[in-house]
Amino acid sequence: MQTSKFRAKALAVFTIIAGFQLGTLVSPVAAKDTVQNFSSPVEAYRQGMAAYHADDFERALPALNFAAEKGVIGAVLNLARIYANGKGVKKNDAMAFEYYAHIANNYSRVSHKNALGIYVAEAFVAGGDYYRRGIPDSRIRRNASEAIRNYTHAASYLRDPVAQYQLARMHLRGLGVRKNPFRAAQWLNLAAKQNHALSQALLGTLYWKGEGVKVNKPVALALLQAAVRNSQYKSQLNKPNDRKQILGTYRRLSKNAGPEQRAKAREIFASRFSRGVPELDDNLSTDNLNGIIIGKTPNAIADNQNDDSINGGPGSDILLGTATFGINEDNVSNGSVISNDRGTLRP
């Protein structure tokens, strides 16, 4: 077994940003005695994914490692997913974290307009998730501040609805930031505009309870109806159990609403939510959240932050992966081969 040069480099870069040292891990899928020959790193990636889908893990993992060490971002991302999901290998969140960290640190300048943006966002969201939960038996402890930094980059610069949803939840609970239901509603509004079902459902419950926004039960029911509609699709943004939860909430609140409220909700849904992009509350629809400029570069985000945030919130002066380390948006063609569905392993 030999240490992966790629992982050692990823750790070194990530340590600079995160401010701690993970150390060097030994790859459980290090190069074997039999060396595989590939015509190119991209071909290695394609062969590796084909073997993986055929459950031929003995061939798949060395091929993906080869492609990853040669800079194919699709291989890096899918190795992260493999170790996170534990299919074909022993589940290893610490190893998955390393791969996600490599993407976050080396592709942080990729914007939401770039085709790679959704995958870079996935890496930042995964980083936020790991910091929010921590990884047992590793040096990655629960750290709400680091989670906020990761989510903020994906939510603002990359406009990722999953990150926006997670930021909203942390503002509702006061994790890493001061508890702020209105700020949570703003982030949920941005995600709901992208038809993110969980955000629509949560924003609906805020309108129902009057938490962070004025009570508006017809709007609450319309949002939940939209969430029910969007949760029926097997998209990259929703887990299987989400639909059951959303449907249960909608039925419960609808049952508690009066006939006039239900009728008004149907009217709102037809006028605002039946089209592709929902029209939501103008008071929540803002491109500036506590100095976070949606869609701007990381430097622009830093330049426009204010002093209102605490404990590394959206106004913090450090964002994970704001350094490019020699890789820019125009030079990622060798890494453009990537899966096309978050959370799955599809070439």
Protein backbone atom coordinates (compact mmCIF):
# COMPACT_ATOMS: atom_id res chain seq x y z
CA MET A 1 0.00 0.00 0.00
CA GLN A 2 1.34 3.41 -0.87
CA THR A 3 0.21 6.92 -0.03
CA SER A 4 -1.62 8.73 -2.81
CA LYS A 5 0.25 11.80 -4.06
CA PHE A 6 -3.07 13.27 -5.06
CA ARG A 7 -4.54 12.97 -1.57
CA ALA A 8 -1.41 14.35 0.04
CA LYS A 9 -1.65 17.41 -2.22
CA ALA A 10 -5.36 17.82 -1.49
CA LEU A 11 -4.67 17.70 2.23
CA ALA A 12 -1.90 20.26 1.98
CA VAL A 13 -4.12 22.72 0.12
CA PHE A 14 -7.07 22.19 2.42
CA THR A 15 -4.94 22.63 5.54
CA ILE A 16 -3.93 26.11 4.36
CA ILE A 17 -7.56 27.16 4.14
CA ALA A 18 -9.11 25.32 7.06
CA GLY A 19 -6.40 26.11 9.55
CA PHE A 20 -5.77 22.62 10.83
CA GLN A 21 -3.76 19.59 9.76
CA LEU A 22 -5.39 16.32 8.86
CA GLY A 23 -2.19 14.41 8.38
CA THR A 24 -1.58 11.88 5.64
CA LEU A 25 -3.95 9.00 5.05
CA VAL A 26 -3.01 5.83 3.26
CA SER A 27 -5.29 4.99 0.38
CA PRO A 28 -7.09 1.66 0.73
CA VAL A 29 -7.15 1.45 -3.06
CA ALA A 30 -3.53 2.30 -3.76
CA ALA A 31 -1.92 1.16 -6.97
CA LYS A 32 -1.62 -2.59 -7.28
CA ASP A 33 1.23 -4.70 -8.54
CA THR A 34 -0.50 -5.01 -11.91
CA VAL A 35 -0.28 -1.66 -13.66
CA GLN A 36 -3.20 -0.78 -15.93
CA ASN A 37 -2.46 1.04 -19.14
CA PHE A 38 -4.77 3.83 -20.25
CA SER A 39 -4.60 5.89 -23.42
CA SER A 40 -5.49 9.03 -21.45
CA PRO A 41 -6.75 10.12 -18.03
CA VAL A 42 -10.21 10.69 -19.49
CA GLU A 43 -10.23 7.17 -20.91
CA ALA A 44 -9.21 5.86 -17.50
CA TYR A 45 -12.15 7.73 -15.99
CA ARG A 46 -14.57 6.27 -18.52
CA GLN A 47 -13.28 2.75 -18.02
CA GLY A 48 -13.36 3.19 -14.27
CA MET A 49 -16.98 4.32 -14.26
CA ALA A 50 -18.01 1.56 -16.67
CA ALA A 51 -16.36 -1.01 -14.40
CA TYR A 52 -17.97 0.55 -11.34
CA HIS A 53 -21.46 0.32 -12.82
CA ALA A 54 -20.71 -3.30 -13.64
CA ASP A 55 -19.75 -3.85 -9.97
CA ASP A 56 -16.19 -4.62 -11.01
CA PHE A 57 -14.66 -2.61 -8.20
CA GLU A 58 -11.22 -4.22 -8.48
CA ARG A 59 -10.82 -2.60 -11.91
CA ALA A 60 -12.86 0.52 -11.25
CA LEU A 61 -11.07 2.04 -8.28
CA PRO A 62 -7.48 1.96 -9.61
CA ALA A 63 -8.70 3.48 -12.88
CA LEU A 64 -10.54 6.26 -11.08
CA ASN A 65 -7.53 6.89 -8.86
CA PHE A 66 -5.32 7.19 -11.94
CA ALA A 67 -7.72 9.66 -13.56
CA ALA A 68 -8.07 11.66 -10.34
CA GLU A 69 -4.33 12.02 -9.89
CA LYS A 70 -4.12 13.26 -13.50
CA GLY A 71 -6.67 15.98 -12.78
CA VAL A 72 -10.00 14.64 -14.06
CA ILE A 73 -12.49 16.34 -11.76
CA GLY A 74 -15.18 13.76 -12.56
CA ALA A 75 -12.96 11.04 -11.12
CA VAL A 76 -12.27 13.11 -8.02
CA LEU A 77 -15.96 13.76 -7.46
CA ASN A 78 -17.03 10.19 -8.00
CA LEU A 79 -14.33 8.86 -5.68
CA ALA A 80 -15.70 11.25 -3.05
CA ARG A 81 -19.19 9.86 -3.64
CA ILE A 82 -17.95 6.26 -3.58
CA TYR A 83 -16.31 6.66 -0.19
CA ALA A 84 -19.26 8.69 1.15
CA ASN A 85 -21.77 6.05 0.04
CA GLY A 86 -19.63 2.99 0.77
CA LYS A 87 -20.49 1.10 -2.39
CA GLY A 88 -17.66 -1.17 -3.49
CA VAL A 89 -15.45 0.07 -0.65
CA LYS A 90 -15.74 0.40 3.08
CA LYS A 91 -17.55 3.64 3.85
CA ASN A 92 -14.91 6.23 4.68
CA ASP A 93 -16.15 9.77 5.24
CA ALA A 94 -12.67 11.04 6.06
CA MET A 95 -11.46 9.90 2.63
CA ALA A 96 -14.53 11.37 0.94
CA PHE A 97 -13.83 14.64 2.75
CA GLU A 98 -10.33 14.76 1.24
CA TYR A 99 -11.63 14.43 -2.31
CA TYR A 100 -14.35 17.02 -1.78
CA ALA A 101 -11.76 19.35 -0.22
CA HIS A 102 -9.56 19.02 -3.30
CA ILE A 103 -12.41 20.16 -5.55
CA ALA A 104 -13.42 23.00 -3.22
CA ASN A 105 -9.90 24.38 -3.01
CA ASN A 106 -8.90 23.99 -6.64
CA TYR A 107 -12.14 24.95 -8.39
CA SER A 108 -13.48 27.64 -6.07
CA ARG A 109 -13.34 30.25 -8.85
CA VAL A 110 -15.69 28.28 -11.09
CA SER A 111 -18.94 30.25 -11.17
CA HIS A 112 -22.55 29.19 -11.38
CA LYS A 113 -22.45 30.00 -15.10
CA ASN A 114 -19.84 27.31 -15.70
CA ALA A 115 -21.03 23.76 -16.40
CA LEU A 116 -18.84 22.56 -13.55
CA GLY A 117 -20.54 24.88 -11.07
CA ILE A 118 -23.11 22.36 -9.83
CA TYR A 119 -20.36 19.85 -9.01
CA VAL A 120 -18.16 22.39 -7.27
CA ALA A 121 -21.23 23.39 -5.26
CA GLU A 122 -21.71 19.74 -4.33
CA ALA A 123 -18.20 19.67 -2.89
CA PHE A 124 -18.80 22.79 -0.79
CA VAL A 125 -22.16 21.46 0.43
CA ALA A 126 -20.52 18.15 1.36
CA GLY A 127 -17.85 20.08 3.26
CA GLY A 128 -20.56 21.98 5.08
CA ASP A 129 -22.37 18.74 5.93
CA TYR A 130 -19.22 17.12 7.29
CA TYR A 131 -18.37 20.13 9.44
CA ARG A 132 -21.96 20.37 10.65
CA ARG A 133 -22.01 16.70 11.77
CA GLY A 134 -18.34 15.97 12.28
CA ILE A 135 -16.68 12.71 11.26
CA PRO A 136 -16.22 10.16 14.07
CA ASP A 137 -12.71 8.83 14.68
CA SER A 138 -11.12 11.62 12.66
CA ARG A 139 -9.77 15.09 13.20
CA ILE A 140 -12.83 16.59 11.53
CA ARG A 141 -14.90 17.78 14.47
CA ARG A 142 -18.24 19.51 14.50
CA ASN A 143 -17.64 23.11 13.54
CA ALA A 144 -20.66 25.25 12.77
CA SER A 145 -18.49 28.17 11.65
CA GLU A 146 -16.75 26.08 9.00
CA ALA A 147 -20.09 24.63 7.94
CA ILE A 148 -21.46 28.14 7.45
CA ARG A 149 -18.42 29.12 5.35
CA ASN A 150 -18.84 26.14 3.05
CA TYR A 151 -22.59 26.57 2.66
CA THR A 152 -22.21 30.32 2.11
CA HIS A 153 -19.83 29.90 -0.80
CA ALA A 154 -22.14 27.43 -2.52
CA ALA A 155 -25.29 29.38 -1.68
CA SER A 156 -24.06 32.79 -2.80
CA TYR A 157 -21.34 32.42 -5.43
CA LEU A 158 -22.72 29.19 -6.91
CA ARG A 159 -26.42 29.83 -6.16
CA ASP A 160 -26.89 26.27 -4.99
CA PRO A 161 -30.39 25.63 -3.56
CA VAL A 162 -29.27 22.81 -1.28
CA ALA A 163 -26.70 25.12 0.32
CA GLN A 164 -29.31 27.87 0.60
CA TYR A 165 -31.63 25.41 2.34
CA GLN A 166 -28.93 24.31 4.79
CA LEU A 167 -27.99 27.93 5.55
CA ALA A 168 -31.64 28.66 6.28
CA ARG A 169 -31.83 25.75 8.71
CA MET A 170 -28.73 26.98 10.55
CA HIS A 171 -30.18 30.50 10.82
CA LEU A 172 -33.41 29.04 12.19
CA ARG A 173 -31.51 27.07 14.83
CA GLY A 174 -28.81 29.65 15.52
CA LEU A 175 -25.94 27.33 14.61
CA GLY A 176 -22.77 29.24 13.79
CA VAL A 177 -24.78 32.45 13.40
CA ARG A 178 -27.21 34.46 15.45
CA LYS A 179 -30.69 32.98 15.25
CA ASN A 180 -32.49 34.90 12.53
CA PRO A 181 -35.74 33.51 11.08
CA PHE A 182 -36.07 36.38 8.61
CA ARG A 183 -32.62 35.65 7.19
CA ALA A 184 -33.62 32.01 6.98
CA ALA A 185 -36.73 32.99 5.03
CA GLN A 186 -34.58 34.97 2.60
CA TRP A 187 -32.35 31.99 1.86
CA LEU A 188 -35.38 29.71 1.55
CA ASN A 189 -36.97 32.16 -0.85
CA LEU A 190 -33.94 31.97 -3.14
CA ALA A 191 -33.98 28.17 -3.08
CA ALA A 192 -37.75 27.99 -3.48
CA LYS A 193 -37.44 30.06 -6.66
CA GLN A 194 -35.35 27.21 -8.01
CA ASN A 195 -38.18 24.80 -7.19
CA HIS A 196 -36.29 23.17 -4.35
CA ALA A 197 -39.08 21.20 -2.70
CA LEU A 198 -37.66 21.10 0.83
CA SER A 199 -37.16 24.88 0.81
CA GLN A 200 -40.68 25.47 -0.46
CA ALA A 201 -42.06 23.25 2.28
CA LEU A 202 -40.00 24.85 5.05
CA LEU A 203 -40.80 28.37 3.85
CA GLY A 204 -44.46 27.33 3.82
CA THR A 205 -44.30 26.29 7.45
CA LEU A 206 -42.69 29.65 8.33
CA TYR A 207 -45.60 31.47 6.68
CA TRP A 208 -48.04 29.22 8.52
CA LYS A 209 -46.48 29.94 11.92
CA GLY A 210 -45.44 33.52 11.22
CA GLU A 211 -41.80 32.79 11.98
CA GLY A 212 -39.56 35.42 10.36
CA VAL A 213 -42.43 36.48 8.10
CA LYS A 214 -46.01 37.61 8.60
CA VAL A 215 -48.57 34.85 8.98
CA ASN A 216 -50.09 34.05 5.60
CA LYS A 217 -51.77 30.67 5.57
CA PRO A 218 -52.91 30.73 1.93
CA VAL A 219 -49.32 31.40 0.82
CA ALA A 220 -48.13 28.67 3.19
CA LEU A 221 -50.48 26.13 1.63
CA ALA A 222 -49.57 27.24 -1.90
CA LEU A 223 -45.87 26.78 -1.13
CA LEU A 224 -46.51 23.35 0.31
CA GLN A 225 -48.60 22.42 -2.71
CA ALA A 226 -45.68 23.43 -4.92
CA ALA A 227 -43.35 21.38 -2.72
CA VAL A 228 -45.60 18.34 -3.07
CA ARG A 229 -45.56 18.74 -6.83
CA ASN A 230 -41.79 19.13 -7.07
CA SER A 231 -41.04 16.31 -4.62
CA GLN A 232 -42.69 13.74 -6.88
CA TYR A 233 -39.74 13.89 -9.28
CA LYS A 234 -36.61 11.86 -8.60
CA SER A 235 -34.31 14.84 -8.77
CA GLN A 236 -30.85 15.38 -7.39
CA LEU A 237 -32.20 17.70 -4.72
CA ASN A 238 -34.60 15.47 -2.81
CA LYS A 239 -34.21 12.20 -0.94
CA PRO A 240 -36.87 9.45 -1.13
CA ASN A 241 -38.29 10.17 2.33
CA ASP A 242 -38.67 13.89 1.65
CA ARG A 243 -41.87 13.47 -0.33
CA LYS A 244 -43.58 11.56 2.47
CA GLN A 245 -42.63 14.26 4.97
CA ILE A 246 -43.73 17.11 2.70
CA LEU A 247 -47.01 15.41 1.81
CA GLY A 248 -47.77 14.77 5.47
CA THR A 249 -47.17 18.41 6.39
CA TYR A 250 -49.34 19.64 3.52
CA ARG A 251 -52.23 17.36 4.45
CA ARG A 252 -52.04 18.29 8.13
CA LEU A 253 -52.00 22.05 7.52
CA SER A 254 -54.60 21.87 4.78
CA LYS A 255 -56.91 20.02 7.15
CA ASN A 256 -56.47 22.77 9.75
CA ALA A 257 -57.14 25.56 7.26
CA GLY A 258 -60.56 27.03 6.59
CA PRO A 259 -62.39 26.69 3.25
CA GLU A 260 -61.59 30.27 2.26
CA GLN A 261 -57.89 29.80 3.03
CA ARG A 262 -57.76 26.63 0.95
CA ALA A 263 -59.54 28.34 -1.95
CA LYS A 264 -57.14 31.30 -1.78
CA ALA A 265 -54.21 28.90 -1.66
CA ARG A 266 -55.38 27.21 -4.85
CA GLU A 267 -55.68 30.62 -6.49
CA ILE A 268 -52.17 31.61 -5.41
CA PHE A 269 -50.75 28.30 -6.59
CA ALA A 270 -52.38 28.68 -10.01
CA SER A 271 -51.15 32.25 -10.46
CA ARG A 272 -47.66 32.03 -8.92
CA PHE A 273 -46.50 28.43 -8.85
CA SER A 274 -48.00 26.68 -11.86
CA ARG A 275 -45.37 28.17 -14.17
CA GLY A 276 -41.71 27.18 -14.31
CA VAL A 277 -40.22 29.71 -11.86
CA PRO A 278 -42.47 30.66 -8.93
CA GLU A 279 -43.15 34.28 -8.10
CA LEU A 280 -42.53 34.75 -4.40
CA ASP A 281 -42.57 37.52 -1.82
CA ASP A 282 -40.76 40.61 -3.10
CA ASN A 283 -39.80 41.50 0.47
CA LEU A 284 -37.74 38.32 0.64
CA SER A 285 -36.36 38.39 -2.89
CA THR A 286 -33.07 40.20 -2.42
CA ASP A 287 -29.70 39.74 -4.05
CA ASN A 288 -27.93 41.09 -0.99
CA LEU A 289 -28.02 38.99 2.18
CA ASN A 290 -25.97 40.49 5.01
CA GLY A 291 -23.38 41.69 2.53
CA ILE A 292 -23.37 38.45 0.54
CA ILE A 293 -23.65 39.40 -3.10
CA ILE A 294 -25.39 36.56 -4.90
CA GLY A 295 -23.46 35.32 -7.91
CA LYS A 296 -20.37 37.49 -7.38
CA THR A 297 -16.78 36.29 -7.14
CA PRO A 298 -15.41 35.17 -3.76
CA ASN A 299 -13.37 38.38 -3.52
CA ALA A 300 -16.46 40.45 -4.18
CA ILE A 301 -18.22 38.55 -1.44
CA ALA A 302 -15.40 39.30 0.97
CA ASP A 303 -15.28 42.96 -0.07
CA ASN A 304 -18.99 43.43 0.63
CA GLN A 305 -19.19 41.73 4.01
CA ASN A 306 -20.12 43.70 7.09
CA ASP A 307 -19.71 43.31 10.83
CA ASP A 308 -23.18 41.96 11.60
CA SER A 309 -22.28 38.29 11.41
CA ILE A 310 -20.93 36.29 14.30
CA ASN A 311 -19.01 33.06 14.65
CA GLY A 312 -18.08 32.77 10.98
CA GLY A 313 -21.50 33.52 9.52
CA PRO A 314 -22.24 34.97 6.06
CA GLY A 315 -20.20 38.06 6.90
CA SER A 316 -17.08 36.14 7.88
CA ASP A 317 -13.86 37.20 6.23
CA ILE A 318 -12.68 33.73 5.24
CA LEU A 319 -14.43 31.41 2.83
CA LEU A 320 -13.26 27.88 2.28
CA GLY A 321 -11.44 27.61 -1.00
CA THR A 322 -11.24 31.25 -2.05
CA ALA A 323 -7.71 30.74 -3.36
CA THR A 324 -7.30 29.33 -6.85
CA PHE A 325 -3.88 27.70 -6.37
CA GLY A 326 -3.00 28.10 -10.02
CA ILE A 327 -6.23 26.72 -11.50
CA ASN A 328 -8.68 29.07 -13.15
CA GLU A 329 -12.02 28.74 -14.84
CA ASP A 330 -10.55 28.74 -18.32
CA ASN A 331 -8.22 25.83 -17.71
CA VAL A 332 -10.43 23.03 -16.50
CA SER A 333 -11.05 21.29 -19.81
CA ASN A 334 -9.06 18.25 -18.71
CA GLY A 335 -11.52 17.86 -15.88
CA SER A 336 -14.71 18.45 -17.79
CA VAL A 337 -15.71 14.79 -17.89
CA ILE A 338 -18.07 14.44 -15.00
CA SER A 339 -21.26 12.70 -13.96
CA ASN A 340 -24.49 14.47 -14.77
CA ASP A 341 -26.56 13.76 -11.69
CA ARG A 342 -25.64 14.70 -8.14
CA GLY A 343 -25.50 11.78 -5.77
CA THR A 344 -25.30 9.11 -8.45
CA LEU A 345 -22.37 7.53 -10.21
CA ARG A 346 -23.09 8.09 -13.85
CA PRO A 347 -20.44 8.95 -16.48
